Each structure stands twice: as C-alpha cells, then as structure tokens.
Amino acid sequence: MRAIGICRFSYPALGGFKRMHDTVEEREAYLYAPERMELRFRHFETLTLPSIAAQKDKRFTFIVLTGERMPKPWWDRLNDICAPVEQIRIVTAEPMKHRTAMQLAIQHELATGDEEESLQFRLDDDDAVGTNFIRGIRRTARLAGKLRAGWQNMVIEYSRGYSVKLTPDGILAHEIQGQFLACGLAVLFRPGDPKTVMNYGHHKLHHSMPTLIEPETHMYLRALHDDNDSHARTSTKGLVPLTDDQRAFFKERFNVDEAAVQAAFSAPALTRGKA
C-alpha cells in the first residue's frame, strides 16, 4: 500500500487563490515577492518540513509542487532544504488550474510504481502533521480491511490538533477539533482509480465516501498568519503561549522546535534567498 502526499508551494495556478490576478505574470509577481516568500519559507522550514522528515514510517512520497519560473534564489533554497529528505519529490508545472496540476503530479507518481492501493493526502506549506501520521493511516487502512472490502474509497481523518501562530517570541497555540480540514486527513484509493485526493473538496469528502474519524490523537498543526486567504486562517482568537509540557509535546509529536521557530522569526527579513 503506497502513501503519497502533495504540497503546493507558491505554484502560480490559474485560480485557486482568493486574491485574483489578471495575468500569470501578475500572479507570479505576487507569489514570488520577497517578503511573501520569506514568510512561506519560514513556515515551511519550521512546521511542514520537520514533520515530514521525522515520519516514523518512511514508506511514502511527498510531492512539493511549484512553478517552472520560480526565481533561482528561491528555487535553490527549496532544493537545498528538501534534499536531505529522500521522500520528497519537487515537481514543477506550467500554470494551470491548481487541482489539475496536483492531480497530474499524483497520477505521474502512481505510474512509477506497482499498481496497488494508495493512501493520498494533501498538506499546506504552512501546516504540520504528527510524526506518526503515515504509520497511523496505513495501520488504520490495514485494520479496516474487512470493513471496507466493498468500498471503492475510504477517508481516514484525525480531527484533533492545534491552531498555531509563529512569532519571534515562540509559538502561540489553541487546541481545536476540526471538521474535514485538509491537514490530518487521507483518502484510500483502489488500484487504477483515475481520480485522486485532489478530485474532491476536503470539506465534502464525507458526502462521497465512507469515513473513519479518530477524534483523540493530536495529529496536525494549522498555522495562522496574514498571508492566508481566509479569515478563519488569520484570526488569533484563543491563542496562548505554549506551556513547558506543550513545548515538549510539540517536539515529540510533530518534530516542531519552538527554539527553531524563535530563531527563524527573529531573523532580519530577507537575510536568505533575496530575489
């Protein structure tokens, strides 16, 4: 059973953003603006990447989709930080609808291996999953074998996690119980299925297929900051500094280190990767 994740990293999609642009060039100028890219990298480097690198089950592929014309300083930085993680595949695509580009990337990855069941998930470039996420979804799919024998697909969702805001002083957090968020969720596909996780809106998956929800395990960190498209991703209501126990828990569960967050977000803007 394969496990494949996908992450969109400043990919200049046609649509897919609430901030609209008239041309691809305008979209790229917005995406690759130095201040924005530094913010995206700092989240990716302290949240997403550490959690993927520390997965306890190493049998997975994590696709990072980006644009063909990403400026060289950012391209080099992305390759440098991803290189130590052998599960990561950086994929470039010309501008198209983001779902189409992500579907094609997953389908290409599926074609490189044996035809078998696949667990597919998406993760934003400013979120994290628990280091036992791959192990957990694979184990759940295996244990549910008889239950899902007649099903074409199945959703596995971990609904508990944290909203977080990264600051120079550290991490602010608030425990949440989400409902079909993109993070902490995976979909099982049969061999040869032409559809992928990107053919479905994550918030409506339970309308299309049976779903198993694990409500107890904290399995994701969902970042809040000013570059998020939706208000729900910018509101800081309920966020408080980590306790000592939470600080240790974040490191153990997500491989997210508050000291690394403080260092990254205290650094002068644009000290690395200037465009």
C-alpha atoms as a PDB file:
ATOM      1  CA  MET A   1       0.000   0.000   0.000  1.00  0.00           C
ATOM      2  CA  ARG A   2       1.545   3.263  -1.151  1.00  0.00           C
ATOM      3  CA  ALA A   3       1.306   6.577   0.680  1.00  0.00           C
ATOM      4  CA  ILE A   4       1.559   9.784  -1.361  1.00  0.00           C
ATOM      5  CA  GLY A   5       1.283  13.333  -0.075  1.00  0.00           C
ATOM      6  CA  ILE A   6       1.249  16.568  -2.029  1.00  0.00           C
ATOM      7  CA  CYS A   7       2.016  20.161  -1.072  1.00  0.00           C
ATOM      8  CA  ARG A   8       1.560  23.263  -3.233  1.00  0.00           C
ATOM      9  CA  PHE A   9       4.487  25.632  -2.667  1.00  0.00           C
ATOM     10  CA  SER A  10       3.941  29.017  -4.348  1.00  0.00           C
ATOM     11  CA  TYR A  11       2.632  27.388  -7.516  1.00  0.00           C
ATOM     12  CA  PRO A  12       1.215  30.018  -9.934  1.00  0.00           C
ATOM     13  CA  ALA A  13      -2.129  28.354 -10.511  1.00  0.00           C
ATOM     14  CA  LEU A  14      -4.899  29.707 -12.708  1.00  0.00           C
ATOM     15  CA  GLY A  15      -7.381  30.336  -9.932  1.00  0.00           C
ATOM     16  CA  GLY A  16      -7.195  28.596  -6.575  1.00  0.00           C
ATOM     17  CA  PHE A  17      -6.481  31.805  -4.639  1.00  0.00           C
ATOM     18  CA  LYS A  18      -8.967  34.279  -3.227  1.00  0.00           C
ATOM     19  CA  ARG A  19      -6.591  37.046  -4.348  1.00  0.00           C
ATOM     20  CA  MET A  20      -7.300  37.326  -8.060  1.00  0.00           C
ATOM     21  CA  HIS A  21      -4.858  38.442 -10.771  1.00  0.00           C
ATOM     22  CA  ASP A  22      -5.474  39.245 -14.421  1.00  0.00           C
ATOM     23  CA  THR A  23      -2.356  37.559 -15.795  1.00  0.00           C
ATOM     24  CA  VAL A  24       0.063  34.781 -14.914  1.00  0.00           C
ATOM     25  CA  GLU A  25       2.809  37.403 -14.678  1.00  0.00           C
ATOM     26  CA  GLU A  26       0.845  39.310 -12.034  1.00  0.00           C
ATOM     27  CA  ARG A  27       0.222  36.093 -10.124  1.00  0.00           C
ATOM     28  CA  GLU A  28       3.932  35.208 -10.201  1.00  0.00           C
ATOM     29  CA  ALA A  29       4.916  38.711  -9.099  1.00  0.00           C
ATOM     30  CA  TYR A  30       2.597  38.363  -6.110  1.00  0.00           C
ATOM     31  CA  LEU A  31       3.701  34.822  -5.234  1.00  0.00           C
ATOM     32  CA  TYR A  32       7.439  35.455  -5.545  1.00  0.00           C
ATOM     33  CA  ALA A  33       7.545  38.815  -3.776  1.00  0.00           C
ATOM     34  CA  PRO A  34      10.496  38.612  -1.346  1.00  0.00           C
ATOM     35  CA  GLU A  35       8.502  39.379   1.805  1.00  0.00           C
ATOM     36  CA  ARG A  36       5.872  36.773   0.997  1.00  0.00           C
ATOM     37  CA  MET A  37       8.404  34.098   0.041  1.00  0.00           C
ATOM     38  CA  GLU A  38      10.358  34.623   3.250  1.00  0.00           C
ATOM     39  CA  LEU A  39       7.163  34.138   5.257  1.00  0.00           C
ATOM     40  CA  ARG A  40       6.286  30.958   3.347  1.00  0.00           C
ATOM     41  CA  PHE A  41       9.791  29.536   3.730  1.00  0.00           C
ATOM     42  CA  ARG A  42       9.917  30.248   7.447  1.00  0.00           C
ATOM     43  CA  HIS A  43       6.677  28.334   7.990  1.00  0.00           C
ATOM     44  CA  PHE A  44       7.689  25.510   5.661  1.00  0.00           C
ATOM     45  CA  GLU A  45      11.119  25.157   7.283  1.00  0.00           C
ATOM     46  CA  THR A  46       9.846  25.130  10.875  1.00  0.00           C
ATOM     47  CA  LEU A  47       6.499  23.326  10.524  1.00  0.00           C
ATOM     48  CA  THR A  48       5.916  21.314   7.370  1.00  0.00           C
ATOM     49  CA  LEU A  49       9.400  20.077   6.587  1.00  0.00           C
ATOM     50  CA  PRO A  50      10.369  18.899  10.109  1.00  0.00           C
ATOM     51  CA  SER A  51       7.137  16.941  10.469  1.00  0.00           C
ATOM     52  CA  ILE A  52       7.594  15.214   7.108  1.00  0.00           C
ATOM     53  CA  ALA A  53      11.287  14.497   7.685  1.00  0.00           C
ATOM     54  CA  ALA A  54      10.594  12.804  11.034  1.00  0.00           C
ATOM     55  CA  GLN A  55       7.853  10.417   9.910  1.00  0.00           C
ATOM     56  CA  LYS A  56       8.269   7.118  11.741  1.00  0.00           C
ATOM     57  CA  ASP A  57       7.093   5.159   8.702  1.00  0.00           C
ATOM     58  CA  LYS A  58       9.454   6.124   5.883  1.00  0.00           C
ATOM     59  CA  ARG A  59       7.482   4.362   3.142  1.00  0.00           C
ATOM     60  CA  PHE A  60       5.880   7.330   1.441  1.00  0.00           C
ATOM     61  CA  THR A  61       6.402  10.008  -1.191  1.00  0.00           C
ATOM     62  CA  PHE A  62       5.809  13.709  -0.560  1.00  0.00           C
ATOM     63  CA  ILE A  63       5.390  15.818  -3.696  1.00  0.00           C
ATOM     64  CA  VAL A  64       6.190  19.530  -3.494  1.00  0.00           C
ATOM     65  CA  LEU A  65       4.573  21.239  -6.479  1.00  0.00           C
ATOM     66  CA  THR A  66       5.890  24.609  -7.604  1.00  0.00           C
ATOM     67  CA  GLY A  67       6.160  26.766 -10.708  1.00  0.00           C
ATOM     68  CA  GLU A  68       8.585  26.438 -13.582  1.00  0.00           C
ATOM     69  CA  ARG A  69       9.656  30.073 -13.281  1.00  0.00           C
ATOM     70  CA  MET A  70      10.347  30.306  -9.573  1.00  0.00           C
ATOM     71  CA  PRO A  71      13.278  32.750  -9.203  1.00  0.00           C
ATOM     72  CA  LYS A  72      16.602  30.979  -8.799  1.00  0.00           C
ATOM     73  CA  PRO A  73      17.360  32.079  -5.205  1.00  0.00           C
ATOM     74  CA  TRP A  74      14.064  30.623  -4.010  1.00  0.00           C
ATOM     75  CA  TRP A  75      14.442  27.546  -6.219  1.00  0.00           C
ATOM     76  CA  ASP A  76      17.904  26.868  -4.835  1.00  0.00           C
ATOM     77  CA  ARG A  77      16.725  27.339  -1.269  1.00  0.00           C
ATOM     78  CA  LEU A  78      13.783  24.978  -1.774  1.00  0.00           C
ATOM     79  CA  ASN A  79      16.031  22.295  -3.244  1.00  0.00           C
ATOM     80  CA  ASP A  80      18.646  22.727  -0.521  1.00  0.00           C
ATOM     81  CA  ILE A  81      16.216  22.292   2.365  1.00  0.00           C
ATOM     82  CA  CYS A  82      14.356  19.386   0.764  1.00  0.00           C
ATOM     83  CA  ALA A  83      17.429  17.451  -0.399  1.00  0.00           C
ATOM     84  CA  PRO A  84      18.074  15.675   2.942  1.00  0.00           C
ATOM     85  CA  VAL A  85      14.557  14.170   2.929  1.00  0.00           C
ATOM     86  CA  GLU A  86      14.623  11.295   0.464  1.00  0.00           C
ATOM     87  CA  GLN A  87      10.824  11.001   0.380  1.00  0.00           C
ATOM     88  CA  ILE A  88      10.388  14.480  -1.114  1.00  0.00           C
ATOM     89  CA  ARG A  89       9.972  14.951  -4.869  1.00  0.00           C
ATOM     90  CA  ILE A  90       9.995  18.541  -6.133  1.00  0.00           C
ATOM     91  CA  VAL A  91       7.775  18.782  -9.217  1.00  0.00           C
ATOM     92  CA  THR A  92       7.351  21.814 -11.466  1.00  0.00           C
ATOM     93  CA  ALA A  93       4.384  22.547 -13.700  1.00  0.00           C
ATOM     94  CA  GLU A  94       3.301  25.273 -16.076  1.00  0.00           C
ATOM     95  CA  PRO A  95       0.395  27.450 -14.906  1.00  0.00           C
ATOM     96  CA  MET A  96      -2.954  25.644 -14.954  1.00  0.00           C
ATOM     97  CA  LYS A  97      -5.792  25.082 -12.522  1.00  0.00           C
ATOM     98  CA  HIS A  98      -4.225  24.008  -9.246  1.00  0.00           C
ATOM     99  CA  ARG A  99      -6.354  20.885  -8.885  1.00  0.00           C
ATOM    100  CA  THR A 100      -5.417  19.732 -12.382  1.00  0.00           C
ATOM    101  CA  ALA A 101      -1.711  20.292 -11.750  1.00  0.00           C
ATOM    102  CA  MET A 102      -1.840  18.421  -8.450  1.00  0.00           C
ATOM    103  CA  GLN A 103      -3.880  15.572  -9.933  1.00  0.00           C
ATOM    104  CA  LEU A 104      -1.343  15.150 -12.731  1.00  0.00           C
ATOM    105  CA  ALA A 105       1.560  15.140 -10.274  1.00  0.00           C
ATOM    106  CA  ILE A 106      -0.064  12.410  -8.180  1.00  0.00           C
ATOM    107  CA  GLN A 107      -1.005  10.352 -11.232  1.00  0.00           C
ATOM    108  CA  HIS A 108       2.561  10.553 -12.521  1.00  0.00           C
ATOM    109  CA  GLU A 109       3.879   9.363  -9.167  1.00  0.00           C
ATOM    110  CA  LEU A 110       1.392   6.479  -9.108  1.00  0.00           C
ATOM    111  CA  ALA A 111       2.565   5.406 -12.562  1.00  0.00           C
ATOM    112  CA  THR A 112       6.153   4.986 -11.336  1.00  0.00           C
ATOM    113  CA  GLY A 113       5.373   2.035  -9.051  1.00  0.00           C
ATOM    114  CA  ASP A 114       3.416  -1.180  -8.880  1.00  0.00           C
ATOM    115  CA  GLU A 115      -0.347  -0.959  -9.217  1.00  0.00           C
ATOM    116  CA  GLU A 116      -1.599  -1.158  -5.651  1.00  0.00           C
ATOM    117  CA  GLU A 117      -3.814   0.654  -3.215  1.00  0.00           C
ATOM    118  CA  SER A 118      -2.720   4.159  -2.323  1.00  0.00           C
ATOM    119  CA  LEU A 119      -3.286   6.452   0.621  1.00  0.00           C
ATOM    120  CA  GLN A 120      -3.231  10.044  -0.601  1.00  0.00           C
ATOM    121  CA  PHE A 121      -3.128  13.250   1.412  1.00  0.00           C
ATOM    122  CA  ARG A 122      -2.599  16.960   0.901  1.00  0.00           C
ATOM    123  CA  LEU A 123      -0.768  19.320   3.214  1.00  0.00           C
ATOM    124  CA  ASP A 124      -0.430  23.085   3.005  1.00  0.00           C
ATOM    125  CA  ASP A 125       3.084  24.536   3.071  1.00  0.00           C
ATOM    126  CA  ASP A 126       2.442  26.150   6.454  1.00  0.00           C
ATOM    127  CA  ASP A 127       0.958  23.154   8.294  1.00  0.00           C
ATOM    128  CA  ALA A 128       2.400  20.081  10.008  1.00  0.00           C
ATOM    129  CA  VAL A 129       1.274  16.524  10.722  1.00  0.00           C
ATOM    130  CA  GLY A 130       2.209  14.210  13.545  1.00  0.00           C
ATOM    131  CA  THR A 131       5.327  12.130  13.028  1.00  0.00           C
ATOM    132  CA  ASN A 132       3.150   9.011  13.274  1.00  0.00           C
ATOM    133  CA  PHE A 133       0.728  10.187  10.564  1.00  0.00           C
ATOM    134  CA  ILE A 134       1.911   7.841   7.802  1.00  0.00           C
ATOM    135  CA  ARG A 135       2.120   4.949  10.235  1.00  0.00           C
ATOM    136  CA  GLY A 136      -1.348   5.747  11.559  1.00  0.00           C
ATOM    137  CA  ILE A 137      -3.188   5.970   8.244  1.00  0.00           C
ATOM    138  CA  ARG A 138      -1.513   2.816   6.952  1.00  0.00           C
ATOM    139  CA  ARG A 139      -2.375   0.895  10.136  1.00  0.00           C
ATOM    140  CA  THR A 140      -5.991   2.099  10.068  1.00  0.00           C
ATOM    141  CA  ALA A 141      -6.407   1.117   6.425  1.00  0.00           C
ATOM    142  CA  ARG A 142      -4.999  -2.326   7.160  1.00  0.00           C
ATOM    143  CA  LEU A 143      -7.178  -2.921  10.234  1.00  0.00           C
ATOM    144  CA  ALA A 144     -10.268  -1.773   8.315  1.00  0.00           C
ATOM    145  CA  GLY A 145      -9.665  -4.296   5.533  1.00  0.00           C
ATOM    146  CA  LYS A 146     -12.825  -6.343   6.089  1.00  0.00           C
ATOM    147  CA  LEU A 147     -14.966  -3.300   6.808  1.00  0.00           C
ATOM    148  CA  ARG A 148     -14.004  -1.584   3.551  1.00  0.00           C
ATOM    149  CA  ALA A 149     -13.968  -4.703   1.361  1.00  0.00           C
ATOM    150  CA  GLY A 150     -16.883  -3.467  -0.742  1.00  0.00           C
ATOM    151  CA  TRP A 151     -15.958   0.205  -0.761  1.00  0.00           C
ATOM    152  CA  GLN A 152     -14.212   1.973  -3.616  1.00  0.00           C
ATOM    153  CA  ASN A 153     -12.720   4.629  -1.331  1.00  0.00           C
ATOM    154  CA  MET A 154     -12.412   5.451   2.342  1.00  0.00           C
ATOM    155  CA  VAL A 155     -11.485   8.602   4.249  1.00  0.00           C
ATOM    156  CA  ILE A 156      -9.300   8.468   7.360  1.00  0.00           C
ATOM    157  CA  GLU A 157      -9.472  11.641   9.415  1.00  0.00           C
ATOM    158  CA  TYR A 158      -7.682  12.740  12.557  1.00  0.00           C
ATOM    159  CA  SER A 159      -9.869  15.582  13.751  1.00  0.00           C
ATOM    160  CA  ARG A 160      -7.882  16.864  16.744  1.00  0.00           C
ATOM    161  CA  GLY A 161      -4.949  19.247  16.513  1.00  0.00           C
ATOM    162  CA  TYR A 162      -3.859  22.823  17.133  1.00  0.00           C
ATOM    163  CA  SER A 163      -4.129  26.204  15.506  1.00  0.00           C
ATOM    164  CA  VAL A 164      -0.740  27.892  15.844  1.00  0.00           C
ATOM    165  CA  LYS A 165       0.847  31.269  15.190  1.00  0.00           C
ATOM    166  CA  LEU A 166       4.622  31.502  14.842  1.00  0.00           C
ATOM    167  CA  THR A 167       6.273  34.622  16.279  1.00  0.00           C
ATOM    168  CA  PRO A 168       9.734  35.866  17.321  1.00  0.00           C
ATOM    169  CA  ASP A 169       8.738  35.009  20.893  1.00  0.00           C
ATOM    170  CA  GLY A 170       7.768  31.445  20.034  1.00  0.00           C
ATOM    171  CA  ILE A 171       4.576  29.530  19.302  1.00  0.00           C
ATOM    172  CA  LEU A 172       1.057  30.564  20.236  1.00  0.00           C
ATOM    173  CA  ALA A 173      -1.411  27.679  20.156  1.00  0.00           C
ATOM    174  CA  HIS A 174      -5.043  26.750  20.629  1.00  0.00           C
ATOM    175  CA  GLU A 175      -6.360  23.186  20.676  1.00  0.00           C
ATOM    176  CA  ILE A 176      -9.072  22.560  18.080  1.00  0.00           C
ATOM    177  CA  GLN A 177     -11.391  19.795  16.925  1.00  0.00           C
ATOM    178  CA  GLY A 178     -11.632  20.315  13.185  1.00  0.00           C
ATOM    179  CA  GLN A 179     -14.112  19.019  10.661  1.00  0.00           C
ATOM    180  CA  PHE A 180     -12.595  17.683   7.451  1.00  0.00           C
ATOM    181  CA  LEU A 181      -9.658  20.055   7.320  1.00  0.00           C
ATOM    182  CA  ALA A 182      -7.049  19.359   4.652  1.00  0.00           C
ATOM    183  CA  CYS A 183      -4.426  18.543   7.283  1.00  0.00           C
ATOM    184  CA  GLY A 184      -4.648  15.281   9.235  1.00  0.00           C
ATOM    185  CA  LEU A 185      -6.742  13.588   6.562  1.00  0.00           C
ATOM    186  CA  ALA A 186      -6.060  10.902   3.936  1.00  0.00           C
ATOM    187  CA  VAL A 187      -8.091   9.072   1.291  1.00  0.00           C
ATOM    188  CA  LEU A 188      -7.686   5.444   0.249  1.00  0.00           C
ATOM    189  CA  PHE A 189      -7.844   4.701  -3.485  1.00  0.00           C
ATOM    190  CA  ARG A 190      -8.088   1.359  -5.272  1.00  0.00           C
ATOM    191  CA  PRO A 191      -5.509   0.422  -7.929  1.00  0.00           C
ATOM    192  CA  GLY A 192      -6.240   2.002 -11.283  1.00  0.00           C
ATOM    193  CA  ASP A 193      -8.632   4.636  -9.955  1.00  0.00           C
ATOM    194  CA  PRO A 194      -8.316   7.648 -12.295  1.00  0.00           C
ATOM    195  CA  LYS A 195      -9.271  10.037  -9.508  1.00  0.00           C
ATOM    196  CA  THR A 196      -7.008  11.392  -6.772  1.00  0.00           C
ATOM    197  CA  VAL A 197      -7.412  13.191  -3.472  1.00  0.00           C
ATOM    198  CA  MET A 198      -7.401  16.431  -5.478  1.00  0.00           C
ATOM    199  CA  ASN A 199     -10.606  15.478  -7.309  1.00  0.00           C
ATOM    200  CA  TYR A 200     -12.532  16.157  -4.111  1.00  0.00           C
ATOM    201  CA  GLY A 201     -13.047  19.134  -1.839  1.00  0.00           C
ATOM    202  CA  HIS A 202     -11.673  18.005   1.513  1.00  0.00           C
ATOM    203  CA  HIS A 203     -14.593  19.569   3.413  1.00  0.00           C
ATOM    204  CA  LYS A 204     -17.097  17.478   1.406  1.00  0.00           C
ATOM    205  CA  LEU A 205     -15.337  14.118   1.272  1.00  0.00           C
ATOM    206  CA  HIS A 206     -17.861  12.576   3.658  1.00  0.00           C
ATOM    207  CA  HIS A 207     -20.571  13.322   1.075  1.00  0.00           C
ATOM    208  CA  SER A 208     -18.872  10.951  -1.374  1.00  0.00           C
ATOM    209  CA  MET A 209     -17.335   8.098   0.598  1.00  0.00           C
ATOM    210  CA  PRO A 210     -17.337   6.305   3.965  1.00  0.00           C
ATOM    211  CA  THR A 211     -15.223   7.984   6.624  1.00  0.00           C
ATOM    212  CA  LEU A 212     -13.395   6.793   9.724  1.00  0.00           C
ATOM    213  CA  ILE A 213     -12.724   9.571  12.239  1.00  0.00           C
ATOM    214  CA  GLU A 214     -10.138   9.302  15.006  1.00  0.00           C
ATOM    215  CA  PRO A 215     -11.065  12.093  17.450  1.00  0.00           C
ATOM    216  CA  GLU A 216      -8.464  11.683  20.196  1.00  0.00           C
ATOM    217  CA  THR A 217      -4.951  11.820  18.721  1.00  0.00           C
ATOM    218  CA  HIS A 218      -3.466  15.280  18.103  1.00  0.00           C
ATOM    219  CA  MET A 219      -2.312  14.937  14.500  1.00  0.00           C
ATOM    220  CA  TYR A 220      -1.873  18.382  12.962  1.00  0.00           C
ATOM    221  CA  LEU A 221      -0.707  21.951  13.438  1.00  0.00           C
ATOM    222  CA  ARG A 222      -2.545  24.534  11.346  1.00  0.00           C
ATOM    223  CA  ALA A 223      -0.786  27.873  11.017  1.00  0.00           C
ATOM    224  CA  LEU A 224      -2.492  31.247  11.205  1.00  0.00           C
ATOM    225  CA  HIS A 225      -0.892  34.302   9.591  1.00  0.00           C
ATOM    226  CA  ASP A 226      -1.632  37.309   7.420  1.00  0.00           C
ATOM    227  CA  ASP A 227      -0.863  35.586   4.103  1.00  0.00           C
ATOM    228  CA  ASN A 228      -3.694  33.063   4.481  1.00  0.00           C
ATOM    229  CA  ASP A 229      -6.609  33.515   2.103  1.00  0.00           C
ATOM    230  CA  SER A 230      -9.454  33.056   4.580  1.00  0.00           C
ATOM    231  CA  HIS A 231     -10.396  34.920   7.755  1.00  0.00           C
ATOM    232  CA  ALA A 232     -10.591  31.578   9.561  1.00  0.00           C
ATOM    233  CA  ARG A 233      -6.851  31.243   8.970  1.00  0.00           C
ATOM    234  CA  THR A 234      -5.948  34.719  10.235  1.00  0.00           C
ATOM    235  CA  SER A 235      -7.985  35.021  13.432  1.00  0.00           C
ATOM    236  CA  THR A 236      -5.828  34.667  16.553  1.00  0.00           C
ATOM    237  CA  LYS A 237      -8.716  34.164  18.979  1.00  0.00           C
ATOM    238  CA  GLY A 238      -7.843  31.776  21.807  1.00  0.00           C
ATOM    239  CA  LEU A 239      -4.126  31.534  21.039  1.00  0.00           C
ATOM    240  CA  VAL A 240      -1.819  31.400  24.073  1.00  0.00           C
ATOM    241  CA  PRO A 241       1.917  30.701  24.564  1.00  0.00           C
ATOM    242  CA  LEU A 242       2.977  27.077  24.909  1.00  0.00           C
ATOM    243  CA  THR A 243       3.386  25.608  28.358  1.00  0.00           C
ATOM    244  CA  ASP A 244       6.546  23.640  29.112  1.00  0.00           C
ATOM    245  CA  ASP A 245       4.598  20.402  28.646  1.00  0.00           C
ATOM    246  CA  GLN A 246       3.193  21.554  25.309  1.00  0.00           C
ATOM    247  CA  ARG A 247       6.634  22.650  24.153  1.00  0.00           C
ATOM    248  CA  ALA A 248       7.964  19.142  24.789  1.00  0.00           C
ATOM    249  CA  PHE A 249       4.844  17.599  23.243  1.00  0.00           C
ATOM    250  CA  PHE A 250       5.169  19.627  20.035  1.00  0.00           C
ATOM    251  CA  LYS A 251       8.764  18.464  19.666  1.00  0.00           C
ATOM    252  CA  GLU A 252       7.911  14.816  20.344  1.00  0.00           C
ATOM    253  CA  ARG A 253       4.683  14.641  18.323  1.00  0.00           C
ATOM    254  CA  PHE A 254       5.393  16.988  15.404  1.00  0.00           C
ATOM    255  CA  ASN A 255       9.190  17.471  15.461  1.00  0.00           C
ATOM    256  CA  VAL A 256       8.452  21.197  15.771  1.00  0.00           C
ATOM    257  CA  ASP A 257      11.024  23.014  17.903  1.00  0.00           C
ATOM    258  CA  GLU A 258       9.998  26.315  19.479  1.00  0.00           C
ATOM    259  CA  ALA A 259      13.628  27.459  19.646  1.00  0.00           C
ATOM    260  CA  ALA A 260      13.906  26.985  15.872  1.00  0.00           C
ATOM    261  CA  VAL A 261      10.716  28.999  15.407  1.00  0.00           C
ATOM    262  CA  GLN A 262      12.081  31.810  17.568  1.00  0.00           C
ATOM    263  CA  ALA A 263      15.337  31.865  15.610  1.00  0.00           C
ATOM    264  CA  ALA A 264      13.608  31.859  12.220  1.00  0.00           C
ATOM    265  CA  PHE A 265      11.062  34.534  13.044  1.00  0.00           C
ATOM    266  CA  SER A 266      13.550  36.737  14.882  1.00  0.00           C
ATOM    267  CA  ALA A 267      15.939  36.783  11.922  1.00  0.00           C
ATOM    268  CA  PRO A 268      16.101  40.003   9.889  1.00  0.00           C
ATOM    269  CA  ALA A 269      13.752  39.890   6.944  1.00  0.00           C
ATOM    270  CA  LEU A 270      15.219  38.528   3.736  1.00  0.00           C
ATOM    271  CA  THR A 271      18.585  37.524   5.137  1.00  0.00           C
ATOM    272  CA  ARG A 272      18.372  34.443   2.946  1.00  0.00           C
ATOM    273  CA  GLY A 273      17.089  33.875  -0.566  1.00  0.00           C
ATOM    274  CA  LYS A 274      16.972  37.503  -1.692  1.00  0.00           C
ATOM    275  CA  ALA A 275      15.277  37.813  -5.048  1.00  0.00           C
END
